[in-house]
């Protein structure tokens, strides 16, 4: 029921390069279908998957997304509860452009106005899909415990 989400989890947790490649391909196809040029779509897909699957853990919360605060547990202020470093718009653009030739590089204006919202939509979709797969797996495993 959640094949893409399971592949995202395999790439995140299991460091499965085959599943990572398949997730990049899926994002690439979605971006091309949205009329993004092939090379730019491939570079964006790689950056999206890097952010979701490979981004280093937040040093403030040590990757757990929560920060003890005034006797309670609050989301980490640095990573906003994700447990991973959230790259800036400028760093995302730098990562995308390093995969492109100099004549294909994306301007900051184009990225900010046209591509960044699409990029973040792809990141959000992968995170939601992985979360749904994780919940389905937990539910399935609980059935075995009963």
N, C-alpha and C. Protein backbone atom coordinates (compact mmCIF):
# COMPACT_ATOMS: atom_id res chain seq x y z
N UNK A 1 0.82 -1.20 0.00
CA UNK A 1 0.00 0.00 0.00
C UNK A 1 0.86 1.26 0.00
N UNK A 2 2.10 1.17 0.47
CA UNK A 2 2.99 2.33 0.56
C UNK A 2 4.36 2.01 -0.03
N UNK A 3 4.43 1.59 -1.31
CA UNK A 3 5.72 1.16 -1.84
C UNK A 3 6.78 2.28 -1.88
N UNK A 4 6.39 3.50 -2.26
CA UNK A 4 7.38 4.58 -2.30
C UNK A 4 7.84 4.91 -0.89
N UNK A 5 6.91 4.95 0.06
CA UNK A 5 7.27 5.24 1.44
C UNK A 5 8.23 4.21 2.01
N UNK A 6 8.02 2.95 1.68
CA UNK A 6 8.92 1.89 2.15
C UNK A 6 10.31 2.09 1.53
N UNK A 7 10.35 2.47 0.27
CA UNK A 7 11.65 2.72 -0.38
C UNK A 7 12.37 3.91 0.28
N UNK A 8 11.61 4.94 0.63
CA UNK A 8 12.21 6.09 1.32
C UNK A 8 12.79 5.63 2.66
N UNK A 9 12.03 4.84 3.41
CA UNK A 9 12.51 4.33 4.70
C UNK A 9 13.76 3.46 4.52
N UNK A 10 13.75 2.61 3.50
CA UNK A 10 14.93 1.77 3.24
C UNK A 10 16.16 2.62 2.93
N UNK A 11 15.95 3.70 2.17
CA UNK A 11 17.07 4.59 1.84
C UNK A 11 17.53 5.36 3.08
N UNK A 12 16.57 5.83 3.90
CA UNK A 12 16.90 6.59 5.11
C UNK A 12 17.59 5.72 6.16
N UNK A 13 16.93 4.64 6.51
CA UNK A 13 17.36 3.84 7.65
C UNK A 13 18.38 2.78 7.24
N UNK A 14 18.10 2.10 6.14
CA UNK A 14 18.95 1.00 5.71
C UNK A 14 20.05 1.38 4.76
N UNK A 15 20.09 2.67 4.36
CA UNK A 15 21.11 3.14 3.42
C UNK A 15 21.10 2.31 2.14
N UNK A 16 19.91 1.92 1.70
CA UNK A 16 19.74 1.08 0.51
C UNK A 16 19.88 1.95 -0.74
N UNK A 17 20.98 1.77 -1.47
CA UNK A 17 21.26 2.60 -2.65
C UNK A 17 20.31 2.31 -3.80
N UNK A 18 19.87 1.07 -3.94
CA UNK A 18 18.91 0.73 -4.99
C UNK A 18 17.58 1.43 -4.78
N UNK A 19 17.08 1.41 -3.55
CA UNK A 19 15.83 2.11 -3.25
C UNK A 19 16.00 3.62 -3.36
N UNK A 20 17.17 4.12 -2.97
CA UNK A 20 17.43 5.56 -3.10
C UNK A 20 17.35 5.97 -4.57
N UNK A 21 17.97 5.18 -5.43
CA UNK A 21 17.95 5.46 -6.86
C UNK A 21 16.52 5.43 -7.40
N UNK A 22 15.72 4.49 -6.93
CA UNK A 22 14.32 4.42 -7.38
C UNK A 22 13.51 5.63 -6.92
N UNK A 23 13.79 6.12 -5.70
CA UNK A 23 13.09 7.31 -5.21
C UNK A 23 13.50 8.53 -6.03
N UNK A 24 14.79 8.66 -6.33
CA UNK A 24 15.25 9.76 -7.19
C UNK A 24 14.53 9.70 -8.53
N UNK A 25 14.43 8.51 -9.10
CA UNK A 25 13.74 8.34 -10.39
C UNK A 25 12.28 8.73 -10.32
N UNK A 26 11.62 8.39 -9.23
CA UNK A 26 10.20 8.73 -9.08
C UNK A 26 10.01 10.24 -8.98
N UNK A 27 10.85 10.90 -8.20
CA UNK A 27 10.76 12.36 -8.07
C UNK A 27 11.10 13.02 -9.41
N UNK A 28 12.11 12.51 -10.09
CA UNK A 28 12.50 13.04 -11.40
C UNK A 28 11.32 12.99 -12.37
N UNK A 29 10.63 11.86 -12.42
CA UNK A 29 9.48 11.72 -13.33
C UNK A 29 8.37 12.72 -12.99
N UNK A 30 8.11 12.91 -11.71
CA UNK A 30 7.08 13.88 -11.30
C UNK A 30 7.47 15.28 -11.76
N UNK A 31 8.73 15.65 -11.57
CA UNK A 31 9.18 16.99 -11.95
C UNK A 31 9.14 17.19 -13.47
N UNK A 32 9.54 16.17 -14.23
CA UNK A 32 9.46 16.26 -15.69
C UNK A 32 8.00 16.40 -16.12
N UNK A 33 7.11 15.66 -15.48
CA UNK A 33 5.68 15.78 -15.79
C UNK A 33 5.15 17.18 -15.48
N UNK A 34 5.82 17.88 -14.58
CA UNK A 34 5.44 19.26 -14.24
C UNK A 34 6.19 20.28 -15.10
N UNK A 35 6.74 19.81 -16.21
CA UNK A 35 7.39 20.65 -17.22
C UNK A 35 8.73 21.24 -16.78
N UNK A 36 9.41 20.57 -15.85
CA UNK A 36 10.77 21.00 -15.47
C UNK A 36 11.74 20.32 -16.43
N UNK A 37 12.73 21.07 -16.91
CA UNK A 37 13.71 20.53 -17.85
C UNK A 37 14.38 19.30 -17.24
N UNK A 38 14.70 18.32 -18.10
CA UNK A 38 15.21 17.03 -17.66
C UNK A 38 16.41 17.13 -16.71
N UNK A 39 17.45 17.89 -17.10
CA UNK A 39 18.65 17.98 -16.26
C UNK A 39 18.36 18.66 -14.92
N UNK A 40 17.54 19.69 -14.96
CA UNK A 40 17.17 20.39 -13.72
C UNK A 40 16.32 19.48 -12.85
N UNK A 41 15.41 18.74 -13.46
CA UNK A 41 14.57 17.79 -12.71
C UNK A 41 15.43 16.73 -12.03
N UNK A 42 16.43 16.23 -12.73
CA UNK A 42 17.32 15.21 -12.15
C UNK A 42 18.11 15.81 -10.98
N UNK A 43 18.65 17.01 -11.16
CA UNK A 43 19.41 17.66 -10.08
C UNK A 43 18.51 17.95 -8.88
N UNK A 44 17.30 18.41 -9.12
CA UNK A 44 16.37 18.68 -8.02
C UNK A 44 15.98 17.39 -7.31
N UNK A 45 15.73 16.33 -8.07
CA UNK A 45 15.36 15.04 -7.46
C UNK A 45 16.47 14.54 -6.55
N UNK A 46 17.71 14.65 -7.01
CA UNK A 46 18.84 14.24 -6.16
C UNK A 46 18.92 15.07 -4.89
N UNK A 47 18.68 16.37 -5.00
CA UNK A 47 18.73 17.24 -3.82
C UNK A 47 17.59 16.93 -2.85
N UNK A 48 16.39 16.67 -3.38
CA UNK A 48 15.24 16.31 -2.54
C UNK A 48 15.55 15.04 -1.76
N UNK A 49 16.02 14.02 -2.45
CA UNK A 49 16.29 12.74 -1.80
C UNK A 49 17.45 12.88 -0.81
N UNK A 50 18.44 13.70 -1.14
CA UNK A 50 19.51 13.93 -0.17
C UNK A 50 18.95 14.55 1.11
N UNK A 51 18.10 15.57 0.95
CA UNK A 51 17.55 16.23 2.14
C UNK A 51 16.72 15.26 2.99
N UNK A 52 15.91 14.44 2.35
CA UNK A 52 15.02 13.54 3.09
C UNK A 52 15.77 12.32 3.64
N UNK A 53 16.68 11.77 2.87
CA UNK A 53 17.30 10.49 3.25
C UNK A 53 18.71 10.59 3.82
N UNK A 54 19.46 11.61 3.44
CA UNK A 54 20.88 11.64 3.76
C UNK A 54 21.33 12.81 4.63
N UNK A 55 20.44 13.77 4.90
CA UNK A 55 20.86 14.95 5.66
C UNK A 55 21.38 14.53 7.03
N UNK A 56 22.45 15.16 7.49
CA UNK A 56 23.01 14.78 8.79
C UNK A 56 22.07 15.14 9.94
N UNK A 57 22.23 14.43 11.04
CA UNK A 57 21.41 14.67 12.22
C UNK A 57 21.71 16.04 12.81
N UNK A 58 20.70 16.65 13.37
CA UNK A 58 20.83 17.93 14.06
C UNK A 58 21.72 17.73 15.29
N UNK A 59 22.69 18.61 15.46
CA UNK A 59 23.61 18.49 16.59
C UNK A 59 22.97 18.94 17.91
N UNK A 60 21.98 19.83 17.83
CA UNK A 60 21.35 20.33 19.05
C UNK A 60 20.56 19.24 19.76
N UNK A 61 19.76 18.48 19.00
CA UNK A 61 18.90 17.45 19.61
C UNK A 61 19.45 16.04 19.40
N UNK A 62 20.60 15.96 18.73
CA UNK A 62 21.24 14.67 18.40
C UNK A 62 20.34 13.77 17.55
N UNK A 63 19.51 14.40 16.73
CA UNK A 63 18.71 13.65 15.77
C UNK A 63 17.38 13.15 16.27
N UNK A 64 17.00 13.45 17.52
CA UNK A 64 15.71 12.93 17.98
C UNK A 64 14.57 13.93 17.82
N UNK A 65 14.86 15.17 17.45
CA UNK A 65 13.83 16.15 17.15
C UNK A 65 13.20 16.83 18.35
N UNK A 66 13.57 16.42 19.55
CA UNK A 66 13.00 17.05 20.73
C UNK A 66 14.09 17.65 21.60
N UNK A 67 13.71 18.66 22.35
CA UNK A 67 14.68 19.38 23.16
C UNK A 67 14.07 19.61 24.54
N UNK A 68 14.70 19.10 25.60
CA UNK A 68 14.14 19.33 26.93
C UNK A 68 14.09 20.83 27.24
N UNK A 69 12.92 21.30 27.65
CA UNK A 69 12.77 22.73 27.90
C UNK A 69 11.81 22.95 29.06
N UNK A 70 12.29 23.56 30.09
CA UNK A 70 11.47 23.90 31.25
C UNK A 70 10.67 22.72 31.78
N UNK A 71 11.32 21.58 31.88
CA UNK A 71 10.68 20.41 32.46
C UNK A 71 9.77 19.65 31.51
N UNK A 72 9.54 20.16 30.32
CA UNK A 72 8.71 19.46 29.33
C UNK A 72 9.52 19.12 28.11
N UNK A 73 8.89 18.57 27.14
CA UNK A 73 9.59 18.23 25.90
C UNK A 73 9.01 19.09 24.79
N UNK A 74 9.89 19.83 24.16
CA UNK A 74 9.50 20.74 23.08
C UNK A 74 10.27 20.35 21.82
N UNK A 75 9.70 20.67 20.64
CA UNK A 75 10.47 20.44 19.41
C UNK A 75 11.77 21.23 19.44
N UNK A 76 12.80 20.65 18.91
CA UNK A 76 14.10 21.30 18.85
C UNK A 76 13.97 22.61 18.05
N UNK A 77 14.46 23.73 18.59
CA UNK A 77 14.33 24.99 17.87
C UNK A 77 15.21 25.06 16.62
N UNK A 78 16.30 24.31 16.60
CA UNK A 78 17.21 24.38 15.45
C UNK A 78 16.66 23.64 14.24
N UNK A 79 16.14 22.42 14.45
CA UNK A 79 15.67 21.61 13.31
C UNK A 79 14.14 21.59 13.21
N UNK A 80 13.47 22.29 14.13
CA UNK A 80 12.00 22.35 14.16
C UNK A 80 11.37 20.98 14.32
N UNK A 81 12.05 20.10 15.04
CA UNK A 81 11.50 18.79 15.35
C UNK A 81 11.76 17.70 14.33
N UNK A 82 12.48 18.02 13.25
CA UNK A 82 12.72 17.01 12.21
C UNK A 82 13.84 16.04 12.60
N UNK A 83 14.74 16.49 13.47
CA UNK A 83 15.89 15.66 13.84
C UNK A 83 17.04 15.75 12.85
N UNK A 84 16.82 16.45 11.76
CA UNK A 84 17.85 16.59 10.72
C UNK A 84 18.09 18.07 10.44
N UNK A 85 19.26 18.36 9.94
CA UNK A 85 19.55 19.74 9.58
C UNK A 85 18.66 20.17 8.42
N UNK A 86 18.08 21.34 8.54
CA UNK A 86 17.24 21.88 7.47
C UNK A 86 18.08 22.87 6.67
N UNK A 87 18.42 22.52 5.43
CA UNK A 87 19.28 23.40 4.64
C UNK A 87 18.55 24.69 4.26
N UNK A 88 19.31 25.75 4.12
CA UNK A 88 18.74 27.03 3.70
C UNK A 88 18.41 26.96 2.20
N UNK A 89 17.58 27.88 1.78
CA UNK A 89 17.23 27.98 0.36
C UNK A 89 18.50 28.14 -0.49
N UNK A 90 19.43 28.94 -0.01
CA UNK A 90 20.68 29.18 -0.73
C UNK A 90 21.50 27.89 -0.85
N UNK A 91 21.58 27.11 0.23
CA UNK A 91 22.33 25.85 0.19
C UNK A 91 21.67 24.83 -0.72
N UNK A 92 20.35 24.79 -0.73
CA UNK A 92 19.63 23.88 -1.62
C UNK A 92 19.97 24.23 -3.07
N UNK A 93 19.91 25.51 -3.40
CA UNK A 93 20.22 25.95 -4.76
C UNK A 93 21.66 25.60 -5.12
N UNK A 94 22.57 25.75 -4.19
CA UNK A 94 23.98 25.41 -4.43
C UNK A 94 24.12 23.92 -4.75
N UNK A 95 23.43 23.07 -3.99
CA UNK A 95 23.48 21.62 -4.23
C UNK A 95 22.91 21.29 -5.61
N UNK A 96 21.80 21.90 -5.96
CA UNK A 96 21.20 21.64 -7.27
C UNK A 96 22.14 22.09 -8.38
N UNK A 97 22.67 23.30 -8.26
CA UNK A 97 23.54 23.84 -9.31
C UNK A 97 24.84 23.06 -9.48
N UNK A 98 25.30 22.40 -8.43
CA UNK A 98 26.56 21.64 -8.58
C UNK A 98 26.35 20.42 -9.48
N UNK A 99 25.10 20.04 -9.73
CA UNK A 99 24.81 18.92 -10.63
C UNK A 99 24.55 19.39 -12.06
N UNK A 100 24.62 20.69 -12.29
CA UNK A 100 24.29 21.24 -13.61
C UNK A 100 25.52 21.88 -14.25
N UNK A 101 25.51 21.96 -15.58
CA UNK A 101 26.57 22.68 -16.28
C UNK A 101 26.38 24.18 -16.03
N UNK A 102 27.43 24.96 -16.24
CA UNK A 102 27.34 26.39 -15.95
C UNK A 102 26.25 27.08 -16.76
N UNK A 103 26.01 26.64 -17.99
CA UNK A 103 24.96 27.30 -18.78
C UNK A 103 23.55 26.89 -18.34
N UNK A 104 23.42 25.78 -17.62
CA UNK A 104 22.12 25.33 -17.13
C UNK A 104 21.82 25.76 -15.69
N UNK A 105 22.79 26.41 -15.02
CA UNK A 105 22.59 26.78 -13.62
C UNK A 105 21.34 27.63 -13.45
N UNK A 106 20.68 27.41 -12.33
CA UNK A 106 19.43 28.10 -12.02
C UNK A 106 19.76 29.40 -11.29
N UNK A 107 19.11 30.48 -11.69
CA UNK A 107 19.29 31.74 -10.98
C UNK A 107 18.55 31.68 -9.65
N UNK A 108 19.00 32.49 -8.72
CA UNK A 108 18.35 32.52 -7.41
C UNK A 108 16.89 32.98 -7.54
N UNK A 109 16.65 33.95 -8.42
CA UNK A 109 15.29 34.44 -8.61
C UNK A 109 14.37 33.34 -9.14
N UNK A 110 14.82 32.62 -10.15
CA UNK A 110 13.99 31.54 -10.70
C UNK A 110 13.74 30.46 -9.64
N UNK A 111 14.78 30.12 -8.90
CA UNK A 111 14.62 29.09 -7.87
C UNK A 111 13.61 29.55 -6.83
N UNK A 112 13.77 30.76 -6.34
CA UNK A 112 12.90 31.26 -5.28
C UNK A 112 11.44 31.35 -5.75
N UNK A 113 11.22 31.84 -6.95
CA UNK A 113 9.84 32.09 -7.39
C UNK A 113 9.16 30.89 -8.02
N UNK A 114 9.91 30.04 -8.71
CA UNK A 114 9.28 28.95 -9.45
C UNK A 114 9.61 27.56 -8.90
N UNK A 115 10.85 27.33 -8.55
CA UNK A 115 11.29 25.96 -8.25
C UNK A 115 11.30 25.62 -6.76
N UNK A 116 11.57 26.59 -5.89
CA UNK A 116 11.63 26.28 -4.46
C UNK A 116 10.29 25.75 -3.93
N UNK A 117 9.16 26.36 -4.29
CA UNK A 117 7.88 25.80 -3.81
C UNK A 117 7.68 24.35 -4.28
N UNK A 118 8.06 24.07 -5.49
CA UNK A 118 7.95 22.71 -6.03
C UNK A 118 8.91 21.77 -5.30
N UNK A 119 10.12 22.25 -5.05
CA UNK A 119 11.11 21.46 -4.31
C UNK A 119 10.56 21.09 -2.93
N UNK A 120 10.05 22.08 -2.21
CA UNK A 120 9.53 21.82 -0.86
C UNK A 120 8.31 20.90 -0.90
N UNK A 121 7.50 21.01 -1.94
CA UNK A 121 6.35 20.11 -2.10
C UNK A 121 6.83 18.67 -2.25
N UNK A 122 7.91 18.46 -3.00
CA UNK A 122 8.45 17.11 -3.17
C UNK A 122 9.03 16.59 -1.85
N UNK A 123 9.73 17.44 -1.10
CA UNK A 123 10.26 17.05 0.21
C UNK A 123 9.11 16.64 1.12
N UNK A 124 8.07 17.49 1.17
CA UNK A 124 6.92 17.19 2.03
C UNK A 124 6.24 15.89 1.64
N UNK A 125 6.08 15.67 0.34
CA UNK A 125 5.42 14.43 -0.12
C UNK A 125 6.23 13.20 0.29
N UNK A 126 7.55 13.26 0.16
CA UNK A 126 8.37 12.12 0.57
C UNK A 126 8.28 11.89 2.07
N UNK A 127 8.31 12.96 2.86
CA UNK A 127 8.21 12.81 4.31
C UNK A 127 6.86 12.22 4.72
N UNK A 128 5.79 12.70 4.11
CA UNK A 128 4.45 12.18 4.42
C UNK A 128 4.34 10.72 4.01
N UNK A 129 4.84 10.40 2.84
CA UNK A 129 4.79 9.02 2.34
C UNK A 129 5.58 8.08 3.25
N UNK A 130 6.77 8.52 3.69
CA UNK A 130 7.57 7.69 4.59
C UNK A 130 6.87 7.53 5.94
N UNK A 131 6.25 8.60 6.42
CA UNK A 131 5.53 8.54 7.69
C UNK A 131 4.34 7.58 7.60
N UNK A 132 3.61 7.64 6.50
CA UNK A 132 2.47 6.72 6.31
C UNK A 132 2.95 5.27 6.27
N UNK A 133 4.05 5.03 5.58
CA UNK A 133 4.59 3.67 5.50
C UNK A 133 5.05 3.20 6.88
N UNK A 134 5.66 4.10 7.63
CA UNK A 134 6.12 3.76 8.97
C UNK A 134 4.94 3.38 9.87
N UNK A 135 3.87 4.15 9.80
CA UNK A 135 2.67 3.84 10.60
C UNK A 135 2.06 2.50 10.19
N UNK A 136 2.02 2.24 8.89
CA UNK A 136 1.47 0.97 8.41
C UNK A 136 2.32 -0.20 8.89
N UNK A 137 3.63 -0.03 8.87
CA UNK A 137 4.53 -1.09 9.33
C UNK A 137 4.34 -1.33 10.83
N UNK A 138 4.26 -0.24 11.61
CA UNK A 138 4.04 -0.39 13.05
C UNK A 138 2.72 -1.09 13.35
N UNK A 139 1.69 -0.72 12.62
CA UNK A 139 0.37 -1.34 12.82
C UNK A 139 0.44 -2.83 12.50
N UNK A 140 1.13 -3.16 11.43
CA UNK A 140 1.28 -4.56 11.03
C UNK A 140 2.08 -5.35 12.08
N UNK A 141 3.13 -4.75 12.59
CA UNK A 141 3.95 -5.42 13.61
C UNK A 141 3.18 -5.61 14.92
N UNK A 142 2.34 -4.64 15.27
CA UNK A 142 1.54 -4.77 16.49
C UNK A 142 0.57 -5.94 16.39
N UNK A 143 0.09 -6.22 15.18
CA UNK A 143 -0.82 -7.35 14.98
C UNK A 143 -0.12 -8.66 15.32
N UNK A 144 1.19 -8.72 15.09
CA UNK A 144 1.94 -9.93 15.43
C UNK A 144 2.14 -10.09 16.93
N UNK A 145 2.16 -8.97 17.64
CA UNK A 145 2.36 -9.01 19.08
C UNK A 145 1.13 -9.50 19.83
N UNK A 146 -0.02 -9.36 19.24
CA UNK A 146 -1.27 -9.73 19.92
C UNK A 146 -1.52 -11.20 19.94
